[in-house]
Amino acid sequence: GQTVTAHAIQIFKSNFKKAVRSSTEPVEMPMNIVPTQGTLPLWSLRTHRVAWCYYDKPLVYMPVGWQGSSTESSATFSNLSVTRGTTKHAIQMHPPWKPGGGTIYAEYLLKLPDVTPLKLVFTNAIRNHTATEPPSDGVTFRAWAGEEKLFERHTDSKIWVDGQADLSKFTGKKILLRLESHPGPKRDTTCDSSYWGEPMIVAGTLPLRPGKPSPRRVPPQLTDIQREELRSRARNIVKSQKKSAKNEFLFKLEDDYAAAIVLGKNGLADSAIAFGKGTRCVVFDGL
């Protein structure tokens, strides 16, 4: 007989993300071990460190594994798939442009094997601009080992352009590999969203580049003279009803008709096949 009153309530669970903090001091990075014989795809790692700076100013470091757009400078970094002629996994970077321009780096701490050849391979391109945007004057792509420049190219290509850097002088060592996307000599950041397509470390001699199909063996081809020789032999077998070589076959049919096969370099594929009686016969080239 007791009266109970129920009150509806609503429960909220807060999930506030911590604000991303940049630092003028480089944060510690995990080591990436490059296999002795194989590849290390850099685009698949989340152990990278992004660093950016305004022109002629100190570097600013983002947390390890950071992706996104800097609230300070609008410098951006992301991993995505990009079609620039063909579709590739890529690292996308845009240098700082707010309130001023600068450059941006993707950094990887690597332990290299004591083996050669040893190289960094990649492709580069930039994004398309829309009809309402001014075009980019290109991006300068650079690869560094610490403060040593290994590669530099300025391009405004919208199609993948191959590139590589030799790492053989660093075998067995630890290096800080840095991929840089710089606005270029004019320091113009307009539409400078840039792509590093499938950058990877390749160690040792690989049978094939990853993703590349095995080369097809081209079968040996008969010359016109060789093909006519096979036809003549097939006719003679039908006429004489005798064979004289291992690659010749005779099949006797009714009413003195016969079939003859003379195998070519690729067996039945380029053989001569004759049907007939006496000097009257029909010859076919292969199957």
C-alpha atoms as a PDB file:
ATOM      1  CA  GLY A   1       0.000   0.000   0.000  1.00  0.00           C
ATOM      2  CA  GLN A   2       3.063   2.362  -0.151  1.00  0.00           C
ATOM      3  CA  THR A   3       3.128   5.058  -2.839  1.00  0.00           C
ATOM      4  CA  VAL A   4       6.431   5.442  -4.734  1.00  0.00           C
ATOM      5  CA  THR A   5       7.210   8.318  -7.078  1.00  0.00           C
ATOM      6  CA  ALA A   6       9.661   7.721  -9.996  1.00  0.00           C
ATOM      7  CA  HIS A   7      11.524  10.575 -11.669  1.00  0.00           C
ATOM      8  CA  ALA A   8      12.976  10.293 -15.159  1.00  0.00           C
ATOM      9  CA  ILE A   9      16.587  11.377 -15.410  1.00  0.00           C
ATOM     10  CA  GLN A  10      19.026  11.643 -18.312  1.00  0.00           C
ATOM     11  CA  ILE A  11      22.665  10.676 -17.944  1.00  0.00           C
ATOM     12  CA  PHE A  12      25.363  12.199 -20.147  1.00  0.00           C
ATOM     13  CA  LYS A  13      28.864  10.834 -20.557  1.00  0.00           C
ATOM     14  CA  SER A  14      31.445  13.435 -21.452  1.00  0.00           C
ATOM     15  CA  ASN A  15      34.214  12.555 -23.856  1.00  0.00           C
ATOM     16  CA  PHE A  16      36.294  15.670 -24.270  1.00  0.00           C
ATOM     17  CA  LYS A  17      39.425  15.170 -26.313  1.00  0.00           C
ATOM     18  CA  LYS A  18      42.546  16.683 -24.926  1.00  0.00           C
ATOM     19  CA  ALA A  19      43.687  19.696 -26.861  1.00  0.00           C
ATOM     20  CA  VAL A  20      46.629  18.928 -29.123  1.00  0.00           C
ATOM     21  CA  ARG A  21      49.644  20.805 -27.878  1.00  0.00           C
ATOM     22  CA  SER A  22      52.605  21.658 -30.053  1.00  0.00           C
ATOM     23  CA  SER A  23      56.077  22.147 -28.661  1.00  0.00           C
ATOM     24  CA  THR A  24      59.251  23.937 -29.632  1.00  0.00           C
ATOM     25  CA  GLU A  25      61.175  20.976 -28.206  1.00  0.00           C
ATOM     26  CA  PRO A  26      61.270  17.722 -30.210  1.00  0.00           C
ATOM     27  CA  VAL A  27      59.277  14.951 -28.552  1.00  0.00           C
ATOM     28  CA  GLU A  28      60.794  11.475 -28.182  1.00  0.00           C
ATOM     29  CA  MET A  29      59.970   9.088 -31.006  1.00  0.00           C
ATOM     30  CA  PRO A  30      59.762   5.268 -31.181  1.00  0.00           C
ATOM     31  CA  MET A  31      62.314   3.432 -33.308  1.00  0.00           C
ATOM     32  CA  ASN A  32      61.258   1.714 -36.543  1.00  0.00           C
ATOM     33  CA  ILE A  33      63.323  -1.346 -37.512  1.00  0.00           C
ATOM     34  CA  VAL A  34      63.893  -1.803 -41.244  1.00  0.00           C
ATOM     35  CA  PRO A  35      64.065  -5.518 -42.215  1.00  0.00           C
ATOM     36  CA  THR A  36      67.318  -6.884 -43.627  1.00  0.00           C
ATOM     37  CA  GLN A  37      65.624  -8.094 -46.804  1.00  0.00           C
ATOM     38  CA  GLY A  38      62.319  -6.366 -47.433  1.00  0.00           C
ATOM     39  CA  THR A  39      60.458  -3.088 -47.212  1.00  0.00           C
ATOM     40  CA  LEU A  40      59.163  -0.700 -44.567  1.00  0.00           C
ATOM     41  CA  PRO A  41      56.110   1.237 -45.863  1.00  0.00           C
ATOM     42  CA  LEU A  42      56.295   4.639 -44.181  1.00  0.00           C
ATOM     43  CA  TRP A  43      52.703   5.570 -45.020  1.00  0.00           C
ATOM     44  CA  SER A  44      51.431   2.705 -42.810  1.00  0.00           C
ATOM     45  CA  LEU A  45      53.324   3.842 -39.696  1.00  0.00           C
ATOM     46  CA  ARG A  46      51.821   5.851 -36.851  1.00  0.00           C
ATOM     47  CA  THR A  47      55.187   6.479 -35.223  1.00  0.00           C
ATOM     48  CA  HIS A  48      55.880   9.599 -37.267  1.00  0.00           C
ATOM     49  CA  ARG A  49      56.419  13.092 -35.925  1.00  0.00           C
ATOM     50  CA  VAL A  50      55.219  16.166 -37.802  1.00  0.00           C
ATOM     51  CA  ALA A  51      57.287  19.343 -37.565  1.00  0.00           C
ATOM     52  CA  TRP A  52      56.584  22.686 -39.195  1.00  0.00           C
ATOM     53  CA  CYS A  53      57.961  26.192 -39.104  1.00  0.00           C
ATOM     54  CA  TYR A  54      57.360  29.623 -40.516  1.00  0.00           C
ATOM     55  CA  TYR A  55      60.052  30.848 -42.900  1.00  0.00           C
ATOM     56  CA  ASP A  56      63.383  31.332 -41.100  1.00  0.00           C
ATOM     57  CA  LYS A  57      61.810  30.517 -37.708  1.00  0.00           C
ATOM     58  CA  PRO A  58      62.381  27.599 -35.279  1.00  0.00           C
ATOM     59  CA  LEU A  59      60.594  24.292 -35.799  1.00  0.00           C
ATOM     60  CA  VAL A  60      57.349  23.516 -34.006  1.00  0.00           C
ATOM     61  CA  TYR A  61      56.739  19.829 -33.188  1.00  0.00           C
ATOM     62  CA  MET A  62      53.406  18.035 -33.037  1.00  0.00           C
ATOM     63  CA  PRO A  63      52.790  14.917 -30.879  1.00  0.00           C
ATOM     64  CA  VAL A  64      53.935  11.528 -32.209  1.00  0.00           C
ATOM     65  CA  GLY A  65      51.338  10.071 -34.571  1.00  0.00           C
ATOM     66  CA  TRP A  66      49.520  13.384 -35.022  1.00  0.00           C
ATOM     67  CA  GLN A  67      47.240  13.896 -38.003  1.00  0.00           C
ATOM     68  CA  GLY A  68      45.047  16.860 -38.771  1.00  0.00           C
ATOM     69  CA  SER A  69      45.330  20.608 -39.223  1.00  0.00           C
ATOM     70  CA  SER A  70      47.343  22.843 -36.902  1.00  0.00           C
ATOM     71  CA  THR A  71      45.189  25.489 -35.231  1.00  0.00           C
ATOM     72  CA  GLU A  72      48.232  27.752 -35.132  1.00  0.00           C
ATOM     73  CA  SER A  73      49.423  27.632 -38.732  1.00  0.00           C
ATOM     74  CA  SER A  74      46.896  25.527 -40.719  1.00  0.00           C
ATOM     75  CA  ALA A  75      49.731  23.128 -41.627  1.00  0.00           C
ATOM     76  CA  THR A  76      48.159  19.736 -42.360  1.00  0.00           C
ATOM     77  CA  PHE A  77      49.191  16.083 -42.345  1.00  0.00           C
ATOM     78  CA  SER A  78      47.129  12.988 -43.167  1.00  0.00           C
ATOM     79  CA  ASN A  79      47.334   9.447 -44.540  1.00  0.00           C
ATOM     80  CA  LEU A  80      44.937   8.681 -47.376  1.00  0.00           C
ATOM     81  CA  SER A  81      44.497   7.069 -50.789  1.00  0.00           C
ATOM     82  CA  VAL A  82      45.068   9.418 -53.712  1.00  0.00           C
ATOM     83  CA  THR A  83      44.524   9.000 -57.448  1.00  0.00           C
ATOM     84  CA  ARG A  84      47.127  10.850 -59.491  1.00  0.00           C
ATOM     85  CA  GLY A  85      46.980   8.784 -62.664  1.00  0.00           C
ATOM     86  CA  THR A  86      46.974   5.622 -60.535  1.00  0.00           C
ATOM     87  CA  THR A  87      45.697   5.202 -56.980  1.00  0.00           C
ATOM     88  CA  LYS A  88      48.282   4.953 -54.197  1.00  0.00           C
ATOM     89  CA  HIS A  89      48.461   5.121 -50.423  1.00  0.00           C
ATOM     90  CA  ALA A  90      49.934   8.505 -49.684  1.00  0.00           C
ATOM     91  CA  ILE A  91      51.102  11.000 -47.105  1.00  0.00           C
ATOM     92  CA  GLN A  92      49.392  14.345 -47.651  1.00  0.00           C
ATOM     93  CA  MET A  93      51.038  17.519 -46.348  1.00  0.00           C
ATOM     94  CA  HIS A  94      50.296  21.221 -46.739  1.00  0.00           C
ATOM     95  CA  PRO A  95      52.865  23.709 -45.426  1.00  0.00           C
ATOM     96  CA  PRO A  96      51.888  26.478 -42.967  1.00  0.00           C
ATOM     97  CA  TRP A  97      50.057  29.413 -44.510  1.00  0.00           C
ATOM     98  CA  LYS A  98      48.308  31.215 -41.643  1.00  0.00           C
ATOM     99  CA  PRO A  99      49.206  33.886 -40.657  1.00  0.00           C
ATOM    100  CA  GLY A 100      52.321  33.355 -42.795  1.00  0.00           C
ATOM    101  CA  GLY A 101      54.011  30.709 -44.926  1.00  0.00           C
ATOM    102  CA  GLY A 102      56.571  28.075 -44.038  1.00  0.00           C
ATOM    103  CA  THR A 103      57.517  24.437 -44.513  1.00  0.00           C
ATOM    104  CA  ILE A 104      56.457  21.068 -43.081  1.00  0.00           C
ATOM    105  CA  TYR A 105      58.222  17.761 -42.350  1.00  0.00           C
ATOM    106  CA  ALA A 106      57.161  14.181 -41.668  1.00  0.00           C
ATOM    107  CA  GLU A 107      59.893  12.543 -39.576  1.00  0.00           C
ATOM    108  CA  TYR A 108      60.647   8.860 -38.957  1.00  0.00           C
ATOM    109  CA  LEU A 109      63.292   7.405 -36.653  1.00  0.00           C
ATOM    110  CA  LEU A 110      64.809   4.402 -38.424  1.00  0.00           C
ATOM    111  CA  LYS A 111      67.272   1.630 -37.568  1.00  0.00           C
ATOM    112  CA  LEU A 112      68.734   0.621 -40.914  1.00  0.00           C
ATOM    113  CA  PRO A 113      70.092  -2.868 -41.653  1.00  0.00           C
ATOM    114  CA  ASP A 114      73.704  -3.465 -42.616  1.00  0.00           C
ATOM    115  CA  VAL A 115      72.858  -4.394 -46.198  1.00  0.00           C
ATOM    116  CA  THR A 116      72.966  -2.893 -49.667  1.00  0.00           C
ATOM    117  CA  PRO A 117      71.283  -1.795 -51.797  1.00  0.00           C
ATOM    118  CA  LEU A 118      69.353   0.411 -49.378  1.00  0.00           C
ATOM    119  CA  LYS A 119      67.085   3.183 -50.591  1.00  0.00           C
ATOM    120  CA  LEU A 120      63.998   5.306 -50.073  1.00  0.00           C
ATOM    121  CA  VAL A 121      61.509   5.067 -52.956  1.00  0.00           C
ATOM    122  CA  PHE A 122      58.378   7.177 -53.468  1.00  0.00           C
ATOM    123  CA  THR A 123      56.304   9.201 -55.913  1.00  0.00           C
ATOM    124  CA  ASN A 124      55.249  12.859 -55.729  1.00  0.00           C
ATOM    125  CA  ALA A 125      52.343  14.963 -56.979  1.00  0.00           C
ATOM    126  CA  ILE A 126      50.144  17.876 -55.907  1.00  0.00           C
ATOM    127  CA  ARG A 127      46.366  18.318 -55.818  1.00  0.00           C
ATOM    128  CA  ASN A 128      44.171  19.763 -58.546  1.00  0.00           C
ATOM    129  CA  HIS A 129      42.913  23.306 -58.098  1.00  0.00           C
ATOM    130  CA  THR A 130      39.301  24.239 -58.769  1.00  0.00           C
ATOM    131  CA  ALA A 131      38.027  26.727 -61.342  1.00  0.00           C
ATOM    132  CA  THR A 132      37.695  29.383 -58.624  1.00  0.00           C
ATOM    133  CA  GLU A 133      41.226  28.877 -57.265  1.00  0.00           C
ATOM    134  CA  PRO A 134      44.538  30.181 -58.577  1.00  0.00           C
ATOM    135  CA  PRO A 135      46.960  27.375 -59.523  1.00  0.00           C
ATOM    136  CA  SER A 136      49.868  26.292 -57.368  1.00  0.00           C
ATOM    137  CA  ASP A 137      53.325  27.228 -58.625  1.00  0.00           C
ATOM    138  CA  GLY A 138      54.496  23.822 -57.396  1.00  0.00           C
ATOM    139  CA  VAL A 139      55.934  22.240 -54.277  1.00  0.00           C
ATOM    140  CA  THR A 140      59.568  21.494 -53.477  1.00  0.00           C
ATOM    141  CA  PHE A 141      59.872  17.913 -52.216  1.00  0.00           C
ATOM    142  CA  ARG A 142      62.970  17.095 -50.181  1.00  0.00           C
ATOM    143  CA  ALA A 143      64.223  14.019 -48.326  1.00  0.00           C
ATOM    144  CA  TRP A 144      66.706  14.376 -45.468  1.00  0.00           C
ATOM    145  CA  ALA A 145      68.743  12.158 -43.165  1.00  0.00           C
ATOM    146  CA  GLY A 146      69.004  14.464 -40.186  1.00  0.00           C
ATOM    147  CA  GLU A 147      70.429  17.681 -41.657  1.00  0.00           C
ATOM    148  CA  GLU A 148      71.861  15.991 -44.779  1.00  0.00           C
ATOM    149  CA  LYS A 149      69.778  16.532 -47.902  1.00  0.00           C
ATOM    150  CA  LEU A 150      69.346  13.369 -49.968  1.00  0.00           C
ATOM    151  CA  PHE A 151      66.813  14.446 -52.587  1.00  0.00           C
ATOM    152  CA  GLU A 152      65.198  17.628 -53.928  1.00  0.00           C
ATOM    153  CA  ARG A 153      62.692  18.271 -56.711  1.00  0.00           C
ATOM    154  CA  HIS A 154      60.253  21.092 -57.433  1.00  0.00           C
ATOM    155  CA  THR A 155      57.136  20.048 -59.359  1.00  0.00           C
ATOM    156  CA  ASP A 156      53.535  21.014 -59.997  1.00  0.00           C
ATOM    157  CA  SER A 157      52.714  17.625 -61.558  1.00  0.00           C
ATOM    158  CA  LYS A 158      49.196  16.267 -61.015  1.00  0.00           C
ATOM    159  CA  ILE A 159      50.418  12.809 -62.082  1.00  0.00           C
ATOM    160  CA  TRP A 160      52.743  10.673 -59.953  1.00  0.00           C
ATOM    161  CA  VAL A 161      56.437  11.357 -60.563  1.00  0.00           C
ATOM    162  CA  ASP A 162      58.877   8.659 -59.396  1.00  0.00           C
ATOM    163  CA  GLY A 163      61.725   9.462 -57.033  1.00  0.00           C
ATOM    164  CA  GLN A 164      64.281   7.757 -54.817  1.00  0.00           C
ATOM    165  CA  ALA A 165      67.154   8.496 -52.454  1.00  0.00           C
ATOM    166  CA  ASP A 166      70.196   6.311 -51.797  1.00  0.00           C
ATOM    167  CA  LEU A 167      70.642   5.339 -48.128  1.00  0.00           C
ATOM    168  CA  SER A 168      73.607   2.976 -48.586  1.00  0.00           C
ATOM    169  CA  LYS A 169      76.027   5.295 -46.735  1.00  0.00           C
ATOM    170  CA  PHE A 170      73.882   4.870 -43.604  1.00  0.00           C
ATOM    171  CA  THR A 171      73.838   1.045 -43.478  1.00  0.00           C
ATOM    172  CA  GLY A 172      73.714  -0.314 -39.935  1.00  0.00           C
ATOM    173  CA  LYS A 173      73.001   3.154 -38.478  1.00  0.00           C
ATOM    174  CA  LYS A 174      70.115   5.001 -36.875  1.00  0.00           C
ATOM    175  CA  ILE A 175      68.838   7.990 -38.830  1.00  0.00           C
ATOM    176  CA  LEU A 176      66.070  10.555 -38.593  1.00  0.00           C
ATOM    177  CA  LEU A 177      64.459  10.406 -42.023  1.00  0.00           C
ATOM    178  CA  ARG A 178      62.598  13.615 -42.864  1.00  0.00           C
ATOM    179  CA  LEU A 179      60.200  14.135 -45.765  1.00  0.00           C
ATOM    180  CA  GLU A 180      59.695  17.833 -46.482  1.00  0.00           C
ATOM    181  CA  SER A 181      57.030  19.659 -48.506  1.00  0.00           C
ATOM    182  CA  HIS A 182      58.167  23.251 -49.068  1.00  0.00           C
ATOM    183  CA  PRO A 183      56.247  25.931 -51.061  1.00  0.00           C
ATOM    184  CA  GLY A 184      59.260  26.480 -53.299  1.00  0.00           C
ATOM    185  CA  PRO A 185      61.571  29.360 -54.214  1.00  0.00           C
ATOM    186  CA  LYS A 186      58.725  31.898 -54.544  1.00  0.00           C
ATOM    187  CA  ARG A 187      57.432  30.984 -51.065  1.00  0.00           C
ATOM    188  CA  ASP A 188      53.903  30.868 -52.450  1.00  0.00           C
ATOM    189  CA  THR A 189      51.663  28.448 -50.497  1.00  0.00           C
ATOM    190  CA  THR A 190      48.653  28.722 -52.839  1.00  0.00           C
ATOM    191  CA  CYS A 191      46.982  25.300 -53.331  1.00  0.00           C
ATOM    192  CA  ASP A 192      50.147  23.543 -52.093  1.00  0.00           C
ATOM    193  CA  SER A 193      48.520  20.352 -50.847  1.00  0.00           C
ATOM    194  CA  SER A 194      51.239  17.815 -51.688  1.00  0.00           C
ATOM    195  CA  TYR A 195      51.464  14.026 -51.821  1.00  0.00           C
ATOM    196  CA  TRP A 196      54.199  11.518 -51.080  1.00  0.00           C
ATOM    197  CA  GLY A 197      52.924   8.374 -52.795  1.00  0.00           C
ATOM    198  CA  GLU A 198      53.759   5.099 -51.036  1.00  0.00           C
ATOM    199  CA  PRO A 199      57.127   6.140 -49.569  1.00  0.00           C
ATOM    200  CA  MET A 200      59.021   3.079 -48.376  1.00  0.00           C
ATOM    201  CA  ILE A 201      62.460   1.892 -47.390  1.00  0.00           C
ATOM    202  CA  VAL A 202      63.696  -0.942 -49.607  1.00  0.00           C
ATOM    203  CA  ALA A 203      66.508  -3.068 -48.167  1.00  0.00           C
ATOM    204  CA  GLY A 204      68.409  -5.702 -50.088  1.00  0.00           C
ATOM    205  CA  THR A 205      67.665  -7.027 -53.554  1.00  0.00           C
ATOM    206  CA  LEU A 206      64.014  -7.904 -53.966  1.00  0.00           C
ATOM    207  CA  PRO A 207      62.746 -10.225 -56.727  1.00  0.00           C
ATOM    208  CA  LEU A 208      60.095  -7.663 -57.669  1.00  0.00           C
ATOM    209  CA  ARG A 209      58.823  -4.308 -56.523  1.00  0.00           C
ATOM    210  CA  PRO A 210      55.797  -4.878 -54.216  1.00  0.00           C
ATOM    211  CA  GLY A 211      52.585  -4.963 -56.194  1.00  0.00           C
ATOM    212  CA  LYS A 212      54.332  -5.458 -59.528  1.00  0.00           C
ATOM    213  CA  PRO A 213      53.167  -8.573 -61.469  1.00  0.00           C
ATOM    214  CA  SER A 214      55.624 -11.223 -62.575  1.00  0.00           C
ATOM    215  CA  PRO A 215      56.931 -10.592 -66.068  1.00  0.00           C
ATOM    216  CA  ARG A 216      55.362 -12.864 -68.677  1.00  0.00           C
ATOM    217  CA  ARG A 217      57.673 -15.093 -70.665  1.00  0.00           C
ATOM    218  CA  VAL A 218      57.399 -14.355 -74.362  1.00  0.00           C
ATOM    219  CA  PRO A 219      57.395 -17.670 -76.264  1.00  0.00           C
ATOM    220  CA  PRO A 220      59.866 -18.048 -79.146  1.00  0.00           C
ATOM    221  CA  GLN A 221      58.362 -17.103 -82.501  1.00  0.00           C
ATOM    222  CA  LEU A 222      58.795 -18.863 -85.854  1.00  0.00           C
ATOM    223  CA  THR A 223      60.155 -16.951 -88.809  1.00  0.00           C
ATOM    224  CA  ASP A 224      58.293 -17.092 -92.134  1.00  0.00           C
ATOM    225  CA  ILE A 225      60.946 -19.451 -93.509  1.00  0.00           C
ATOM    226  CA  GLN A 226      60.665 -21.796 -90.503  1.00  0.00           C
ATOM    227  CA  ARG A 227      56.859 -21.851 -90.737  1.00  0.00           C
ATOM    228  CA  GLU A 228      56.924 -22.681 -94.460  1.00  0.00           C
ATOM    229  CA  GLU A 229      59.382 -25.506 -93.714  1.00  0.00           C
ATOM    230  CA  LEU A 230      56.905 -27.043 -91.230  1.00  0.00           C
ATOM    231  CA  ARG A 231      54.098 -26.807 -93.808  1.00  0.00           C
ATOM    232  CA  SER A 232      56.244 -28.513 -96.460  1.00  0.00           C
ATOM    233  CA  ARG A 233      57.162 -31.345 -94.098  1.00  0.00           C
ATOM    234  CA  ALA A 234      53.494 -31.872 -93.188  1.00  0.00           C
ATOM    235  CA  ARG A 235      52.556 -32.064 -96.903  1.00  0.00           C
ATOM    236  CA  ASN A 236      55.333 -34.605 -97.584  1.00  0.00           C
ATOM    237  CA  ILE A 237      54.180 -36.808 -94.685  1.00  0.00           C
ATOM    238  CA  VAL A 238      50.638 -36.892 -96.111  1.00  0.00           C
ATOM    239  CA  LYS A 239      52.008 -37.653 -99.588  1.00  0.00           C
ATOM    240  CA  SER A 240      54.481 -40.377 -98.535  1.00  0.00           C
ATOM    241  CA  GLN A 241      52.591 -41.513 -95.426  1.00  0.00           C
ATOM    242  CA  LYS A 242      55.953 -41.765 -93.688  1.00  0.00           C
ATOM    243  CA  LYS A 243      57.463 -39.715 -90.841  1.00  0.00           C
ATOM    244  CA  SER A 244      61.166 -39.272 -90.107  1.00  0.00           C
ATOM    245  CA  ALA A 245      61.548 -37.036 -87.016  1.00  0.00           C
ATOM    246  CA  LYS A 246      60.469 -37.094 -83.346  1.00  0.00           C
ATOM    247  CA  ASN A 247      58.314 -33.994 -83.740  1.00  0.00           C
ATOM    248  CA  GLU A 248      56.365 -35.550 -86.639  1.00  0.00           C
ATOM    249  CA  PHE A 249      53.129 -37.538 -86.278  1.00  0.00           C
ATOM    250  CA  LEU A 250      51.181 -39.516 -88.899  1.00  0.00           C
ATOM    251  CA  PHE A 251      47.569 -40.669 -88.636  1.00  0.00           C
ATOM    252  CA  LYS A 252      46.339 -43.016 -91.409  1.00  0.00           C
ATOM    253  CA  LEU A 253      42.665 -42.558 -92.237  1.00  0.00           C
ATOM    254  CA  GLU A 254      40.157 -44.380 -94.468  1.00  0.00           C
ATOM    255  CA  ASP A 255      40.471 -44.493 -98.267  1.00  0.00           C
ATOM    256  CA  ASP A 256      44.212 -43.723 -98.170  1.00  0.00           C
ATOM    257  CA  TYR A 257      43.658 -40.327 -96.557  1.00  0.00           C
ATOM    258  CA  ALA A 258      46.096 -39.234 -93.864  1.00  0.00           C
ATOM    259  CA  ALA A 259      46.640 -36.540 -91.244  1.00  0.00           C
ATOM    260  CA  ALA A 260      50.083 -35.238 -90.338  1.00  0.00           C
ATOM    261  CA  ILE A 261      51.312 -33.011 -87.518  1.00  0.00           C
ATOM    262  CA  VAL A 262      54.747 -31.384 -87.330  1.00  0.00           C
ATOM    263  CA  LEU A 263      55.322 -29.675 -83.975  1.00  0.00           C
ATOM    264  CA  GLY A 264      56.875 -26.197 -83.874  1.00  0.00           C
ATOM    265  CA  LYS A 265      58.974 -24.494 -81.173  1.00  0.00           C
ATOM    266  CA  ASN A 266      55.890 -24.151 -78.962  1.00  0.00           C
ATOM    267  CA  GLY A 267      54.392 -27.568 -79.615  1.00  0.00           C
ATOM    268  CA  LEU A 268      50.888 -27.666 -81.081  1.00  0.00           C
ATOM    269  CA  ALA A 269      50.515 -23.883 -80.736  1.00  0.00           C
ATOM    270  CA  ASP A 270      52.693 -23.202 -83.792  1.00  0.00           C
ATOM    271  CA  SER A 271      52.604 -26.619 -85.463  1.00  0.00           C
ATOM    272  CA  ALA A 272      51.693 -27.446 -89.065  1.00  0.00           C
ATOM    273  CA  ILE A 273      48.669 -29.768 -89.408  1.00  0.00           C
ATOM    274  CA  ALA A 274      47.883 -31.332 -92.791  1.00  0.00           C
ATOM    275  CA  PHE A 275      44.906 -33.401 -94.019  1.00  0.00           C
ATOM    276  CA  GLY A 276      44.658 -34.990 -97.450  1.00  0.00           C
ATOM    277  CA  LYS A 277      45.528 -37.707 -99.945  1.00  0.00           C
ATOM    278  CA  GLY A 278      48.552 -37.811-102.180  1.00  0.00           C
ATOM    279  CA  THR A 279      49.492 -34.349-103.426  1.00  0.00           C
ATOM    280  CA  ARG A 280      46.123 -32.861-102.524  1.00  0.00           C
ATOM    281  CA  CYS A 281      45.988 -31.650 -98.918  1.00  0.00           C
ATOM    282  CA  VAL A 282      45.048 -28.754 -96.683  1.00  0.00           C
ATOM    283  CA  VAL A 283      47.550 -27.344 -94.153  1.00  0.00           C
ATOM    284  CA  PHE A 284      46.644 -25.419 -90.984  1.00  0.00           C
ATOM    285  CA  ASP A 285      48.997 -23.314 -88.867  1.00  0.00           C
ATOM    286  CA  GLY A 286      48.743 -24.473 -85.245  1.00  0.00           C
ATOM    287  CA  LEU A 287      45.702 -24.710 -82.993  1.00  0.00           C
END
